[in-house]
Each structure stands twice: as structure tokens, then as C-alpha cells.
Amino acid sequence: MTDYRVHHGEVAEDQLTAAMERYSAKTPSSLFLGASIASMVASLIFKASGKEHHALFVGQWAAPFLLLGIYNKMVKQHGSDATSR
């Protein structure tokens, strides 16, 4: 059986990825949590006002905001390129 796993330091990220991560790491993680909560509250308001489609659309933003927050936290803790350490 062939082993396809990437091992520590085996692959380097490009400069575009490094630049994007350097920029995004400046964003506080609480911003993503706040955006997620705000989208849930906005969805609830739309739902209460009878705008079902708007409520579903805005309510689906919560998960991507949380995923972006996880990505942001991982970049801050681990960086993108294990070979540069």
C-alpha cells in the first residue's frame, strides 16, 4: 500500500499563501465569532419578520464564519510553512 501522507517540512507554501496568512493573522479571532453570532441573530430577526428565504440565506453564514475563525487561530498558532521554523 502506498503512503500518500505529507510529512513535516516536506512541502513549502508559496509566497501568496504566506502573504495572505500574514494579513489574516492580524484579524482578531473574536471578530469571526462575533460575525457568526450576528448572522444567527439576523437570521432570527428575518425569521420572526416572516422573511423565510432571507433567514435561511443569512443563517447559513454562521458555519463559514466559524471555520474562518478556526483557520485564523491555526495560522496564529502554527503558521503555514513548517520548513521556515
N, C-alpha and C. Protein backbone atom coordinates (compact mmCIF):
# COMPACT_ATOMS: atom_id res chain seq x y z
N MET A 1 0.84 -1.17 0.00
CA MET A 1 0.00 0.00 0.00
C MET A 1 0.89 1.24 0.00
N THR A 2 0.56 2.22 -0.83
CA THR A 2 1.34 3.44 -0.96
C THR A 2 0.94 4.45 0.11
N ASP A 3 1.93 5.10 0.69
CA ASP A 3 1.69 6.12 1.72
C ASP A 3 1.69 7.50 1.06
N TYR A 4 0.54 8.17 1.03
CA TYR A 4 0.40 9.47 0.38
C TYR A 4 0.45 10.64 1.35
N ARG A 5 0.72 10.39 2.61
CA ARG A 5 0.73 11.47 3.59
C ARG A 5 1.89 12.43 3.35
N VAL A 6 1.64 13.70 3.66
CA VAL A 6 2.69 14.71 3.60
C VAL A 6 3.31 14.79 4.99
N HIS A 7 4.61 14.70 5.04
CA HIS A 7 5.32 14.70 6.32
C HIS A 7 5.82 16.11 6.65
N HIS A 8 6.12 16.33 7.91
CA HIS A 8 6.56 17.62 8.44
C HIS A 8 7.74 18.16 7.62
N GLY A 9 7.58 19.38 7.09
CA GLY A 9 8.66 20.04 6.36
C GLY A 9 8.86 19.56 4.94
N GLU A 10 7.99 18.70 4.45
CA GLU A 10 8.18 18.11 3.13
C GLU A 10 7.76 19.04 1.98
N VAL A 11 6.73 19.86 2.22
CA VAL A 11 6.20 20.73 1.17
C VAL A 11 6.16 22.16 1.69
N ALA A 12 6.66 23.09 0.88
CA ALA A 12 6.65 24.50 1.28
C ALA A 12 5.47 25.22 0.65
N GLU A 13 4.91 26.18 1.38
CA GLU A 13 3.83 27.00 0.84
C GLU A 13 4.42 28.09 -0.04
N ASP A 14 3.61 28.60 -0.97
CA ASP A 14 4.09 29.68 -1.83
C ASP A 14 3.99 31.02 -1.12
N GLN A 15 4.52 32.06 -1.74
CA GLN A 15 4.55 33.38 -1.13
C GLN A 15 3.18 34.02 -1.03
N LEU A 16 2.28 33.70 -1.96
CA LEU A 16 0.93 34.23 -1.90
C LEU A 16 0.21 33.74 -0.65
N THR A 17 0.34 32.45 -0.36
CA THR A 17 -0.28 31.88 0.84
C THR A 17 0.31 32.52 2.09
N ALA A 18 1.62 32.68 2.11
CA ALA A 18 2.27 33.29 3.27
C ALA A 18 1.81 34.73 3.46
N ALA A 19 1.67 35.48 2.38
CA ALA A 19 1.22 36.87 2.48
C ALA A 19 -0.22 36.95 2.98
N MET A 20 -1.08 36.07 2.46
CA MET A 20 -2.48 36.07 2.89
C MET A 20 -2.58 35.71 4.37
N GLU A 21 -1.79 34.74 4.81
CA GLU A 21 -1.84 34.34 6.21
C GLU A 21 -1.26 35.40 7.13
N ARG A 22 -0.25 36.11 6.67
CA ARG A 22 0.30 37.19 7.48
C ARG A 22 -0.74 38.29 7.67
N TYR A 23 -1.49 38.58 6.62
CA TYR A 23 -2.53 39.61 6.68
C TYR A 23 -3.71 39.14 7.55
N SER A 24 -4.15 37.90 7.33
CA SER A 24 -5.32 37.41 8.07
C SER A 24 -5.02 37.16 9.54
N ALA A 25 -3.77 36.90 9.88
CA ALA A 25 -3.41 36.66 11.28
C ALA A 25 -3.57 37.91 12.13
N LYS A 26 -3.62 39.07 11.49
CA LYS A 26 -3.80 40.33 12.23
C LYS A 26 -5.24 40.51 12.68
N THR A 27 -6.16 39.75 12.09
CA THR A 27 -7.57 39.85 12.43
C THR A 27 -7.83 39.12 13.75
N PRO A 28 -8.48 39.75 14.71
CA PRO A 28 -8.74 39.06 15.98
C PRO A 28 -9.75 37.92 15.78
N SER A 29 -9.54 36.83 16.47
CA SER A 29 -10.41 35.67 16.36
C SER A 29 -11.82 35.97 16.83
N SER A 30 -11.96 36.91 17.75
CA SER A 30 -13.29 37.26 18.25
C SER A 30 -14.16 37.89 17.16
N LEU A 31 -13.54 38.46 16.14
CA LEU A 31 -14.31 39.03 15.03
C LEU A 31 -15.13 37.95 14.33
N PHE A 32 -14.54 36.79 14.11
CA PHE A 32 -15.23 35.71 13.43
C PHE A 32 -16.36 35.14 14.29
N LEU A 33 -16.12 35.03 15.59
CA LEU A 33 -17.17 34.56 16.50
C LEU A 33 -18.31 35.57 16.53
N GLY A 34 -17.97 36.85 16.58
CA GLY A 34 -18.99 37.89 16.58
C GLY A 34 -19.79 37.91 15.29
N ALA A 35 -19.12 37.70 14.16
CA ALA A 35 -19.81 37.66 12.87
C ALA A 35 -20.76 36.46 12.81
N SER A 36 -20.34 35.35 13.38
CA SER A 36 -21.18 34.16 13.40
C SER A 36 -22.43 34.38 14.24
N ILE A 37 -22.25 34.95 15.41
CA ILE A 37 -23.39 35.23 16.29
C ILE A 37 -24.30 36.27 15.65
N ALA A 38 -23.72 37.29 15.02
CA ALA A 38 -24.53 38.32 14.35
C ALA A 38 -25.36 37.72 13.22
N SER A 39 -24.79 36.77 12.48
CA SER A 39 -25.56 36.15 11.40
C SER A 39 -26.71 35.32 11.96
N MET A 40 -26.50 34.67 13.09
CA MET A 40 -27.58 33.91 13.71
C MET A 40 -28.69 34.84 14.21
N VAL A 41 -28.30 35.96 14.82
CA VAL A 41 -29.29 36.92 15.30
C VAL A 41 -30.06 37.53 14.13
N ALA A 42 -29.35 37.90 13.07
CA ALA A 42 -30.01 38.45 11.88
C ALA A 42 -30.97 37.43 11.28
N SER A 43 -30.57 36.17 11.26
CA SER A 43 -31.43 35.11 10.75
C SER A 43 -32.70 34.99 11.59
N LEU A 44 -32.55 35.07 12.90
CA LEU A 44 -33.70 35.02 13.80
C LEU A 44 -34.65 36.20 13.57
N ILE A 45 -34.07 37.37 13.34
CA ILE A 45 -34.90 38.56 13.08
C ILE A 45 -35.66 38.39 11.76
N PHE A 46 -34.96 37.91 10.73
CA PHE A 46 -35.64 37.66 9.46
C PHE A 46 -36.74 36.62 9.61
N LYS A 47 -36.47 35.58 10.36
CA LYS A 47 -37.46 34.52 10.58
C LYS A 47 -38.69 35.08 11.29
N ALA A 48 -38.45 35.90 12.31
CA ALA A 48 -39.57 36.48 13.08
C ALA A 48 -40.40 37.45 12.23
N SER A 49 -39.75 38.07 11.25
CA SER A 49 -40.49 39.02 10.41
C SER A 49 -41.10 38.35 9.18
N GLY A 50 -40.99 37.02 9.10
CA GLY A 50 -41.64 36.29 8.02
C GLY A 50 -40.85 36.19 6.73
N LYS A 51 -39.61 36.60 6.74
CA LYS A 51 -38.76 36.53 5.54
C LYS A 51 -37.95 35.24 5.59
N GLU A 52 -38.60 34.15 5.22
CA GLU A 52 -38.02 32.81 5.36
C GLU A 52 -36.74 32.63 4.53
N HIS A 53 -36.76 33.06 3.28
CA HIS A 53 -35.59 32.87 2.41
C HIS A 53 -34.39 33.68 2.89
N HIS A 54 -34.64 34.89 3.34
CA HIS A 54 -33.56 35.71 3.89
C HIS A 54 -32.98 35.07 5.15
N ALA A 55 -33.86 34.54 5.98
CA ALA A 55 -33.43 33.90 7.23
C ALA A 55 -32.53 32.70 6.93
N LEU A 56 -32.91 31.88 5.97
CA LEU A 56 -32.08 30.73 5.61
C LEU A 56 -30.74 31.16 5.02
N PHE A 57 -30.79 32.16 4.15
CA PHE A 57 -29.57 32.64 3.50
C PHE A 57 -28.56 33.17 4.52
N VAL A 58 -29.01 34.07 5.37
CA VAL A 58 -28.12 34.68 6.36
C VAL A 58 -27.72 33.67 7.44
N GLY A 59 -28.62 32.78 7.80
CA GLY A 59 -28.31 31.78 8.83
C GLY A 59 -27.21 30.82 8.42
N GLN A 60 -27.05 30.62 7.13
CA GLN A 60 -26.00 29.72 6.65
C GLN A 60 -24.62 30.35 6.69
N TRP A 61 -24.52 31.61 7.01
CA TRP A 61 -23.22 32.26 7.12
C TRP A 61 -22.48 31.89 8.40
N ALA A 62 -23.19 31.40 9.41
CA ALA A 62 -22.57 31.14 10.72
C ALA A 62 -21.43 30.13 10.61
N ALA A 63 -21.67 29.02 9.95
CA ALA A 63 -20.65 27.97 9.85
C ALA A 63 -19.39 28.44 9.13
N PRO A 64 -19.49 29.12 7.96
CA PRO A 64 -18.26 29.61 7.33
C PRO A 64 -17.49 30.61 8.19
N PHE A 65 -18.21 31.47 8.91
CA PHE A 65 -17.51 32.40 9.80
C PHE A 65 -16.73 31.64 10.88
N LEU A 66 -17.34 30.61 11.45
CA LEU A 66 -16.64 29.82 12.47
C LEU A 66 -15.44 29.08 11.88
N LEU A 67 -15.59 28.56 10.66
CA LEU A 67 -14.47 27.89 10.01
C LEU A 67 -13.33 28.86 9.72
N LEU A 68 -13.66 30.06 9.30
CA LEU A 68 -12.63 31.08 9.09
C LEU A 68 -11.93 31.42 10.40
N GLY A 69 -12.68 31.44 11.48
CA GLY A 69 -12.09 31.68 12.79
C GLY A 69 -11.13 30.57 13.20
N ILE A 70 -11.49 29.34 12.91
CA ILE A 70 -10.60 28.21 13.21
C ILE A 70 -9.33 28.31 12.38
N TYR A 71 -9.48 28.62 11.10
CA TYR A 71 -8.32 28.79 10.22
C TYR A 71 -7.42 29.90 10.74
N ASN A 72 -8.03 31.02 11.12
CA ASN A 72 -7.28 32.15 11.64
C ASN A 72 -6.49 31.76 12.89
N LYS A 73 -7.13 31.02 13.78
CA LYS A 73 -6.47 30.60 15.02
C LYS A 73 -5.31 29.65 14.72
N MET A 74 -5.51 28.73 13.77
CA MET A 74 -4.44 27.79 13.42
C MET A 74 -3.24 28.50 12.79
N VAL A 75 -3.50 29.50 11.97
CA VAL A 75 -2.41 30.26 11.36
C VAL A 75 -1.62 30.98 12.44
N LYS A 76 -2.33 31.54 13.42
CA LYS A 76 -1.64 32.24 14.50
C LYS A 76 -0.79 31.30 15.34
N GLN A 77 -1.27 30.08 15.57
CA GLN A 77 -0.57 29.14 16.43
C GLN A 77 0.54 28.39 15.71
N HIS A 78 0.28 28.00 14.46
CA HIS A 78 1.21 27.10 13.77
C HIS A 78 1.88 27.69 12.56
N GLY A 79 1.37 28.76 11.99
CA GLY A 79 1.92 29.29 10.76
C GLY A 79 1.56 28.39 9.60
N SER A 80 2.06 28.71 8.43
CA SER A 80 1.70 27.92 7.26
C SER A 80 2.82 27.03 6.78
N ASP A 81 4.03 27.38 7.07
CA ASP A 81 5.16 26.69 6.46
C ASP A 81 6.07 26.10 7.53
N ALA A 82 6.03 24.81 7.66
CA ALA A 82 6.82 24.14 8.70
C ALA A 82 8.32 24.20 8.43
N THR A 83 8.73 24.42 7.16
CA THR A 83 10.16 24.45 6.83
C THR A 83 10.81 25.74 7.25
N SER A 84 10.04 26.80 7.47
CA SER A 84 10.63 28.10 7.83
C SER A 84 10.92 28.21 9.32
N ARG A 85 10.64 27.18 10.09
CA ARG A 85 10.88 27.23 11.54
C ARG A 85 12.27 26.80 11.87
